[in-house]
Amino acid sequence: MAEPVANREAQIVRTSIIGIIANVALAAFKAAVGTLSSSIAIVLDAVNNLSDALSSVITIVGTKLAAKAPDREHPYGHGRAEYLTTIVIAVIVLGAGVSSLKESVERILNPEQSSYETVTLIIVAVAVVAKILLGTYFKARGKALGSDTLVASGEDATMDSLISASTLVAALINVFFGLSLEAWLGVAISGLIIKTGIEILTEAIGKLLGRRIDAELATAIKETVCSVEGVRGAYDLVLTDYGPERSMGSIHVEVDEKMSAKEIDRITRQIQHEVLLHHHIALHTVGIYSVNTSTDAMDEASRISAKLDQIVSSEPFVLQTHGLYVDEEAKNVLFDIIVSYDAPNRNTVIARVANALKEEFPAYQFKIQIDEDISD
C-alpha cells in the first residue's frame, strides 16, 4: 500500500538530505584529487556530484510544493509540481553535460599530462562503492514511495558509479602503460550525462502532456472492477495524472438492463471503493452500459454481435467493440468502437462497419460511438 501523503513527503525529504550530504562529500574528495592529479575526468565527476546534490535540493522543493493542499484555484492539488521540478533537474543535468563536453574537447586539443598517486586511486575506488550504495538506496526508496524523481536520481547515481569505475580503469592504464585517456573519457562522461538529462526531460514532459495508461495497471484496475458482484465487463478506463499517487479517472461497466437505480448506485460506490483501496486511484465517474437480458433481445443481440465480430475481423484498424445493446422498441443498436490511431481515416472505417451491419440488419439503426485508444 502506498505511503500516506504526509509520511511520503517526509521520507522523500529525508532521502534527499542523505543524497545532498553524500554527493557534497564525494564532490569535495573528487575535486581535491582531480586538481592534485590534473585529471579532467575526476574533476568533471566532482562537478557531476555537485549537480546531483543540487538535484536533491530541487527534489525537496518540488516535494514541498506538491504536498500543498488543494485550494480553490487548484482543486486537484499541486502534485504536478514534482514533474516541473524534474524538468528543472533535467535542464541542470543537460547544462552540466554540455559544459563538461566543451572542457573535455579543449583538453583533447590542448593535452596535459596527468599524474596519479596511490591515495588518488583509493579515493576513486571508494567513490565507486559509495555511488553504488547511494544509487541502490535511492532507487529502493523511490520505488517504495512512488517517487520517479528519486528513482531517476538512483539511476543517475548508478551511472555515476560506472563512470567513476571507468575513470579508475583509465588511471590504472595511465600508471601501468603511460597512455592518457582522461580527456577522451571526459567526452564519454559528458555524453552519458547529456543522455541522462534528455531521458529525464522526456519522461517529465511526457507525464505533463499525458501518457497512455500503463497496460498492467489498466488490466489490474479492470480486474478489480469486474470482481464487484453485478459487473459483467469493464471498458473505457480513463486516468488523469495530477502527480504521484494523485490519479483520478472514470470507467464504463456493463450491467443487467433490469437493474434498479438502487442496485446501480450500490455497484458504482463499491467499484469506487475497491479501486481506491487496491490501486489508490479515485474514479470520479462510473458509466453504465446495459446488457440485454430478455430472451428475444438476447437472441437478437447475439446475432448482431456475431456479425459485428465477423465484420471487424476484416478491419485491421478496429481494435475493439463493446457495450452492444439492442433497443427493440426504438429499433436502435448501440455500441462503442475503438479504431487505431494508425488508421488513415477513422471515420471511414466506422462507416464501413455501419454499412455492412445495415445491409445485414436493415430494420435497425446503428448508433456507433467512437472511443479513443487510451488504455488496454
Protein backbone atom coordinates (compact mmCIF):
# COMPACT_ATOMS: atom_id res chain seq x y z
CA MET A 1 0.00 0.00 0.00
CA ALA A 2 1.24 3.49 -0.80
CA GLU A 3 2.69 5.71 1.89
CA PRO A 4 0.32 8.38 3.35
CA VAL A 5 0.95 11.74 1.68
CA ALA A 6 2.48 13.44 4.74
CA ASN A 7 4.74 10.48 5.53
CA ARG A 8 5.72 10.19 1.86
CA GLU A 9 6.83 13.82 1.83
CA ALA A 10 8.95 13.36 4.99
CA GLN A 11 10.57 10.20 3.62
CA ILE A 12 11.47 11.83 0.29
CA VAL A 13 12.94 14.88 2.06
CA ARG A 14 14.97 12.65 4.39
CA THR A 15 16.29 10.58 1.48
CA SER A 16 17.17 13.74 -0.46
CA ILE A 17 19.09 15.18 2.50
CA ILE A 18 21.15 11.98 2.67
CA GLY A 19 21.83 12.39 -1.04
CA ILE A 20 22.94 16.00 -0.59
CA ILE A 21 25.38 15.12 2.18
CA ALA A 22 26.80 12.14 0.31
CA ASN A 23 27.20 13.98 -3.00
CA VAL A 24 28.79 17.08 -1.48
CA ALA A 25 31.30 14.88 0.37
CA LEU A 26 32.10 12.94 -2.79
CA ALA A 27 32.40 16.15 -4.81
CA ALA A 28 34.90 17.59 -2.33
CA PHE A 29 37.01 14.43 -2.44
CA LYS A 30 36.97 14.21 -6.23
CA ALA A 31 37.66 17.92 -6.78
CA ALA A 32 40.71 17.76 -4.50
CA VAL A 33 42.02 14.58 -6.08
CA GLY A 34 41.34 15.75 -9.63
CA THR A 35 43.09 19.08 -9.07
CA LEU A 36 46.16 17.47 -7.49
CA SER A 37 46.44 14.90 -10.27
CA SER A 38 45.42 17.27 -13.11
CA SER A 39 42.72 14.77 -14.10
CA ILE A 40 39.89 16.40 -16.03
CA ALA A 41 37.81 13.22 -15.75
CA ILE A 42 37.86 13.24 -11.95
CA VAL A 43 37.16 16.99 -11.81
CA LEU A 44 34.18 16.53 -14.14
CA ASP A 45 32.99 13.68 -11.97
CA ALA A 46 33.11 16.06 -8.99
CA VAL A 47 31.01 18.60 -10.92
CA ASN A 48 28.51 15.87 -11.65
CA ASN A 49 28.28 15.09 -7.92
CA LEU A 50 27.51 18.74 -7.22
CA SER A 51 24.75 18.71 -9.82
CA ASP A 52 23.37 15.59 -8.12
CA ALA A 53 23.37 17.44 -4.79
CA LEU A 54 21.56 20.38 -6.38
CA SER A 55 19.05 17.94 -7.86
CA SER A 56 18.33 16.66 -4.36
CA VAL A 57 17.72 20.23 -3.18
CA ILE A 58 15.28 20.79 -6.03
CA THR A 59 13.62 17.46 -5.25
CA ILE A 60 12.94 18.70 -1.73
CA VAL A 61 11.48 21.97 -3.03
CA GLY A 62 9.30 20.14 -5.55
CA THR A 63 8.07 17.67 -2.94
CA LYS A 64 7.14 20.50 -0.58
CA LEU A 65 5.23 22.33 -3.34
CA ALA A 66 3.48 19.15 -4.48
CA ALA A 67 2.34 18.38 -0.93
CA LYS A 68 0.36 21.63 -0.64
CA ALA A 69 -3.32 21.01 0.00
CA PRO A 70 -5.87 21.60 -2.81
CA ASP A 71 -7.35 25.08 -2.94
CA ARG A 72 -9.99 26.94 -4.93
CA GLU A 73 -7.59 27.68 -7.80
CA HIS A 74 -6.08 24.17 -7.80
CA PRO A 75 -8.86 21.76 -6.73
CA TYR A 76 -6.83 18.72 -7.82
CA GLY A 77 -3.85 19.67 -5.68
CA HIS A 78 -0.31 20.63 -6.64
CA GLY A 79 1.13 17.18 -7.35
CA ARG A 80 2.37 18.04 -10.84
CA ALA A 81 4.91 20.40 -9.25
CA GLU A 82 7.11 17.31 -8.88
CA TYR A 83 7.15 16.93 -12.67
CA LEU A 84 8.03 20.60 -13.13
CA THR A 85 10.98 20.31 -10.74
CA THR A 86 12.06 17.17 -12.58
CA ILE A 87 12.24 19.28 -15.75
CA VAL A 88 14.45 21.78 -13.89
CA ILE A 89 16.71 18.93 -12.80
CA ALA A 90 16.92 17.68 -16.39
CA VAL A 91 17.97 21.14 -17.61
CA ILE A 92 20.68 21.30 -14.94
CA VAL A 93 21.97 17.87 -15.92
CA LEU A 94 21.98 18.83 -19.60
CA GLY A 95 23.86 22.06 -18.82
CA ALA A 96 26.49 20.15 -16.85
CA GLY A 97 26.87 17.67 -19.70
CA VAL A 98 27.34 20.33 -22.36
CA SER A 99 29.81 22.24 -20.19
CA SER A 100 31.88 19.15 -19.45
CA LEU A 101 31.88 18.18 -23.12
CA LYS A 102 33.29 21.59 -24.03
CA GLU A 103 36.08 21.28 -21.43
CA SER A 104 36.93 17.73 -22.49
CA VAL A 105 37.25 18.70 -26.15
CA GLU A 106 39.51 21.59 -25.18
CA ARG A 107 41.70 19.17 -23.21
CA ILE A 108 41.93 16.87 -26.25
CA LEU A 109 43.04 19.80 -28.39
CA ASN A 110 45.44 21.05 -25.67
CA PRO A 111 46.54 17.93 -23.76
CA GLU A 112 48.08 17.99 -20.28
CA GLN A 113 49.93 15.13 -18.63
CA SER A 114 48.07 13.66 -15.63
CA SER A 115 49.72 12.09 -12.62
CA TYR A 116 48.24 9.69 -10.08
CA GLU A 117 49.21 8.77 -6.54
CA THR A 118 48.12 5.64 -4.72
CA VAL A 119 45.83 7.70 -2.50
CA THR A 120 44.15 9.08 -5.63
CA LEU A 121 43.26 5.63 -6.87
CA ILE A 122 42.00 4.58 -3.44
CA ILE A 123 39.71 7.62 -3.18
CA VAL A 124 38.28 6.99 -6.63
CA ALA A 125 37.64 3.33 -5.72
CA VAL A 126 35.87 4.42 -2.53
CA ALA A 127 33.76 6.84 -4.58
CA VAL A 128 32.69 3.97 -6.86
CA VAL A 129 31.47 1.91 -3.92
CA ALA A 130 29.76 4.93 -2.34
CA LYS A 131 27.88 5.73 -5.55
CA ILE A 132 26.71 2.13 -5.99
CA LEU A 133 25.32 2.14 -2.45
CA LEU A 134 23.73 5.57 -2.89
CA GLY A 135 22.15 4.59 -6.22
CA THR A 136 20.72 1.36 -4.79
CA TYR A 137 19.31 3.23 -1.79
CA PHE A 138 17.72 5.99 -3.90
CA LYS A 139 16.06 3.53 -6.28
CA ALA A 140 14.71 1.38 -3.47
CA ARG A 141 13.25 4.38 -1.63
CA GLY A 142 11.93 5.91 -4.85
CA LYS A 143 10.02 2.74 -5.78
CA ALA A 144 8.68 2.33 -2.26
CA LEU A 145 7.47 5.95 -2.15
CA GLY A 146 6.25 6.18 -5.75
CA SER A 147 8.75 8.96 -6.49
CA ASP A 148 10.02 9.00 -10.08
CA THR A 149 12.45 11.76 -9.12
CA LEU A 150 14.18 9.58 -6.51
CA VAL A 151 14.26 6.61 -8.88
CA ALA A 152 15.86 8.80 -11.55
CA SER A 153 18.41 10.06 -9.02
CA GLY A 154 19.20 6.47 -8.13
CA GLU A 155 19.71 5.53 -11.76
CA ASP A 156 21.90 8.60 -12.21
CA ALA A 157 23.99 7.59 -9.19
CA THR A 158 24.38 4.07 -10.56
CA MET A 159 25.54 5.51 -13.86
CA ASP A 160 27.98 7.73 -11.97
CA SER A 161 29.45 4.65 -10.30
CA LEU A 162 30.12 3.14 -13.72
CA ILE A 163 31.68 6.40 -14.88
CA SER A 164 33.91 6.54 -11.80
CA ALA A 165 34.88 2.92 -12.37
CA SER A 166 35.87 3.84 -15.93
CA THR A 167 37.90 6.74 -14.56
CA LEU A 168 39.71 4.31 -12.26
CA VAL A 169 40.46 2.00 -15.16
CA ALA A 170 41.82 4.93 -17.20
CA ALA A 171 44.05 5.90 -14.27
CA LEU A 172 45.43 2.38 -13.98
CA ILE A 173 46.11 2.31 -17.72
CA ASN A 174 47.95 5.61 -17.35
CA VAL A 175 50.02 4.28 -14.44
CA PHE A 176 50.98 0.95 -16.00
CA PHE A 177 51.07 1.74 -19.72
CA GLY A 178 51.60 5.51 -19.86
CA LEU A 179 48.51 6.09 -22.02
CA SER A 180 46.46 9.20 -21.25
CA LEU A 181 42.75 8.59 -21.83
CA GLU A 182 41.30 11.12 -19.40
CA ALA A 183 40.18 13.70 -21.97
CA TRP A 184 38.53 11.06 -24.13
CA LEU A 185 36.91 9.60 -21.06
CA GLY A 186 35.65 13.11 -20.27
CA VAL A 187 33.90 13.12 -23.65
CA ALA A 188 32.29 9.77 -22.83
CA ILE A 189 31.19 11.02 -19.40
CA SER A 190 29.72 14.14 -21.00
CA GLY A 191 27.77 12.03 -23.47
CA LEU A 192 26.31 9.91 -20.70
CA ILE A 193 25.35 13.00 -18.67
CA ILE A 194 23.63 14.55 -21.69
CA LYS A 195 21.83 11.27 -22.44
CA THR A 196 20.58 11.08 -18.85
CA GLY A 197 19.36 14.68 -18.99
CA ILE A 198 17.42 14.05 -22.19
CA GLU A 199 15.81 10.92 -20.75
CA ILE A 200 14.75 12.70 -17.55
CA LEU A 201 13.37 15.64 -19.56
CA THR A 202 11.45 13.39 -21.95
CA GLU A 203 9.91 11.40 -19.09
CA ALA A 204 8.75 14.51 -17.20
CA ILE A 205 7.32 16.25 -20.28
CA GLY A 206 5.54 13.03 -21.24
CA LYS A 207 3.76 12.92 -17.89
CA LEU A 208 2.72 16.57 -18.13
CA LEU A 209 1.35 16.08 -21.65
CA GLY A 210 -0.47 12.89 -20.69
CA ARG A 211 0.70 9.38 -21.46
CA ARG A 212 -1.08 6.17 -22.27
CA ILE A 213 -2.14 4.24 -19.19
CA ASP A 214 0.30 1.51 -18.21
CA ALA A 215 -1.05 -1.79 -19.59
CA GLU A 216 -0.51 -3.75 -16.38
CA LEU A 217 -2.22 -1.07 -14.29
CA ALA A 218 -5.17 -0.86 -16.69
CA THR A 219 -5.61 -4.64 -16.62
CA ALA A 220 -5.36 -4.76 -12.83
CA ILE A 221 -7.96 -2.00 -12.36
CA LYS A 222 -10.41 -3.67 -14.75
CA GLU A 223 -9.96 -6.99 -12.94
CA THR A 224 -10.75 -5.24 -9.65
CA VAL A 225 -13.85 -3.62 -11.16
CA CYS A 226 -15.07 -6.90 -12.67
CA SER A 227 -14.71 -8.61 -9.30
CA VAL A 228 -17.61 -6.49 -7.98
CA GLU A 229 -20.83 -8.50 -7.97
CA GLY A 230 -23.15 -7.48 -10.80
CA VAL A 231 -20.45 -6.16 -13.15
CA ARG A 232 -20.32 -8.03 -16.47
CA GLY A 233 -17.48 -6.13 -18.11
CA ALA A 234 -15.29 -3.04 -17.74
CA TYR A 235 -14.27 -0.67 -20.55
CA ASP A 236 -13.20 2.88 -21.40
CA LEU A 237 -10.80 3.35 -18.49
CA VAL A 238 -9.56 6.95 -18.42
CA LEU A 239 -6.93 8.15 -15.94
CA THR A 240 -5.58 11.66 -15.46
CA ASP A 241 -2.27 12.05 -13.65
CA TYR A 242 -2.25 15.00 -11.23
CA GLY A 243 1.06 13.95 -9.69
CA PRO A 244 2.49 10.88 -7.92
CA GLU A 245 -0.27 9.00 -6.07
CA ARG A 246 -2.82 11.56 -7.33
CA SER A 247 -4.51 9.92 -10.31
CA MET A 248 -8.24 10.30 -10.99
CA GLY A 249 -10.36 8.73 -13.68
CA SER A 250 -13.53 7.15 -14.98
CA ILE A 251 -14.70 3.81 -16.35
CA HIS A 252 -17.72 2.20 -18.01
CA VAL A 253 -19.20 -1.09 -16.81
CA GLU A 254 -21.76 -3.48 -18.24
CA VAL A 255 -24.72 -4.40 -16.02
CA ASP A 256 -28.07 -6.18 -16.35
CA GLU A 257 -30.59 -3.87 -18.08
CA LYS A 258 -33.20 -4.66 -15.41
CA MET A 259 -31.12 -3.35 -12.50
CA SER A 260 -32.75 -0.68 -10.38
CA ALA A 261 -31.19 2.70 -9.64
CA LYS A 262 -30.61 1.46 -6.10
CA GLU A 263 -28.61 -1.55 -7.32
CA ILE A 264 -26.60 0.52 -9.78
CA ASP A 265 -25.81 3.03 -7.04
CA ARG A 266 -24.53 0.21 -4.83
CA ILE A 267 -22.34 -1.17 -7.61
CA THR A 268 -20.81 2.16 -8.58
CA ARG A 269 -19.97 3.03 -4.97
CA GLN A 270 -18.44 -0.43 -4.44
CA ILE A 271 -16.34 -0.02 -7.61
CA GLN A 272 -15.04 3.35 -6.45
CA HIS A 273 -14.21 1.94 -3.01
CA GLU A 274 -12.38 -1.14 -4.33
CA VAL A 275 -10.29 0.79 -6.88
CA LEU A 276 -9.29 3.39 -4.30
CA LEU A 277 -8.46 0.67 -1.76
CA HIS A 278 -6.37 -1.53 -4.08
CA HIS A 279 -4.92 0.99 -6.56
CA HIS A 280 -5.11 4.36 -4.73
CA ILE A 281 -6.95 5.89 -7.68
CA ALA A 282 -10.17 7.90 -7.38
CA LEU A 283 -12.76 7.03 -10.03
CA HIS A 284 -14.97 10.10 -10.07
CA THR A 285 -17.34 8.62 -12.66
CA VAL A 286 -18.64 5.10 -13.32
CA GLY A 287 -20.64 5.00 -16.55
CA ILE A 288 -23.20 2.29 -17.29
CA TYR A 289 -23.76 0.05 -20.32
CA SER A 290 -26.96 -2.01 -20.34
CA VAL A 291 -26.76 -5.69 -21.28
CA ASN A 292 -29.78 -7.29 -22.93
CA THR A 293 -31.30 -9.94 -20.65
CA SER A 294 -34.80 -10.53 -22.10
CA THR A 295 -34.92 -13.65 -24.26
CA ASP A 296 -35.87 -12.04 -27.60
CA ALA A 297 -33.42 -9.15 -27.22
CA MET A 298 -30.66 -11.50 -26.11
CA ASP A 299 -31.10 -13.63 -29.21
CA GLU A 300 -31.06 -10.60 -31.49
CA ALA A 301 -28.08 -9.09 -29.67
CA SER A 302 -26.20 -12.39 -30.08
CA ARG A 303 -26.88 -12.45 -33.82
CA ILE A 304 -25.79 -8.84 -34.30
CA SER A 305 -22.74 -9.29 -32.06
CA ALA A 306 -21.62 -12.37 -34.02
CA LYS A 307 -21.98 -10.49 -37.31
CA LEU A 308 -20.16 -7.48 -35.87
CA ASP A 309 -17.25 -9.73 -34.82
CA GLN A 310 -17.12 -11.13 -38.34
CA ILE A 311 -17.09 -7.66 -39.91
CA VAL A 312 -14.40 -6.18 -37.67
CA SER A 313 -12.19 -9.25 -38.10
CA SER A 314 -11.52 -7.99 -41.65
CA GLU A 315 -10.88 -4.44 -40.44
CA PRO A 316 -7.20 -4.30 -39.31
CA PHE A 317 -7.61 -0.89 -37.67
CA VAL A 318 -10.53 -1.88 -35.40
CA LEU A 319 -9.08 -2.71 -32.00
CA GLN A 320 -12.25 -3.42 -30.04
CA THR A 321 -16.04 -3.14 -29.92
CA HIS A 322 -18.04 -3.23 -26.68
CA GLY A 323 -21.20 -2.12 -24.93
CA LEU A 324 -23.55 -3.55 -27.58
CA TYR A 325 -27.20 -3.08 -26.69
CA VAL A 326 -30.31 -3.71 -28.78
CA ASP A 327 -33.24 -1.36 -28.15
CA GLU A 328 -36.14 -3.30 -29.69
CA GLU A 329 -38.71 -0.55 -29.13
CA ALA A 330 -36.71 2.15 -30.92
CA LYS A 331 -35.08 -0.35 -33.28
CA ASN A 332 -31.67 1.02 -32.39
CA VAL A 333 -28.43 -0.87 -31.89
CA LEU A 334 -25.85 0.92 -29.80
CA PHE A 335 -22.20 0.01 -29.31
CA ASP A 336 -18.77 1.59 -28.96
CA ILE A 337 -15.81 1.03 -31.25
CA ILE A 338 -12.10 1.70 -30.82
CA VAL A 339 -10.18 2.44 -34.02
CA SER A 340 -6.39 2.60 -34.09
CA TYR A 341 -4.71 5.97 -34.46
CA ASP A 342 -2.79 4.38 -37.34
CA ALA A 343 -5.93 4.30 -39.49
CA PRO A 344 -5.68 6.75 -42.43
CA ASN A 345 -9.27 7.86 -41.76
CA ARG A 346 -11.04 6.56 -38.65
CA ASN A 347 -14.45 7.82 -39.73
CA THR A 348 -14.19 5.84 -42.98
CA VAL A 349 -13.53 2.67 -41.01
CA ILE A 350 -16.62 3.27 -38.86
CA ALA A 351 -18.74 4.00 -41.94
CA ARG A 352 -17.72 0.65 -43.50
CA VAL A 353 -18.67 -1.21 -40.34
CA ALA A 354 -22.03 0.60 -40.10
CA ASN A 355 -22.89 -0.02 -43.76
CA ALA A 356 -22.05 -3.71 -43.50
CA LEU A 357 -24.31 -4.07 -40.46
CA LYS A 358 -27.11 -2.10 -42.13
CA GLU A 359 -27.06 -4.45 -45.12
CA GLU A 360 -27.42 -7.47 -42.84
CA PHE A 361 -29.97 -5.91 -40.44
CA PRO A 362 -31.93 -3.27 -42.41
CA ALA A 363 -34.63 -2.97 -39.73
CA TYR A 364 -32.22 -1.34 -37.28
CA GLN A 365 -30.48 1.99 -36.96
CA PHE A 366 -26.87 1.65 -35.78
CA LYS A 367 -25.65 4.30 -33.39
CA ILE A 368 -21.90 3.88 -33.05
CA GLN A 369 -19.81 5.78 -30.52
CA ILE A 370 -16.11 6.07 -31.30
CA ASP A 371 -13.85 5.66 -28.28
CA GLU A 372 -10.22 6.73 -28.01
CA ASP A 373 -7.46 4.12 -27.81
CA ILE A 374 -6.19 5.25 -24.43
CA SER A 375 -5.92 2.05 -22.39
CA ASP A 376 -5.51 -1.69 -22.89
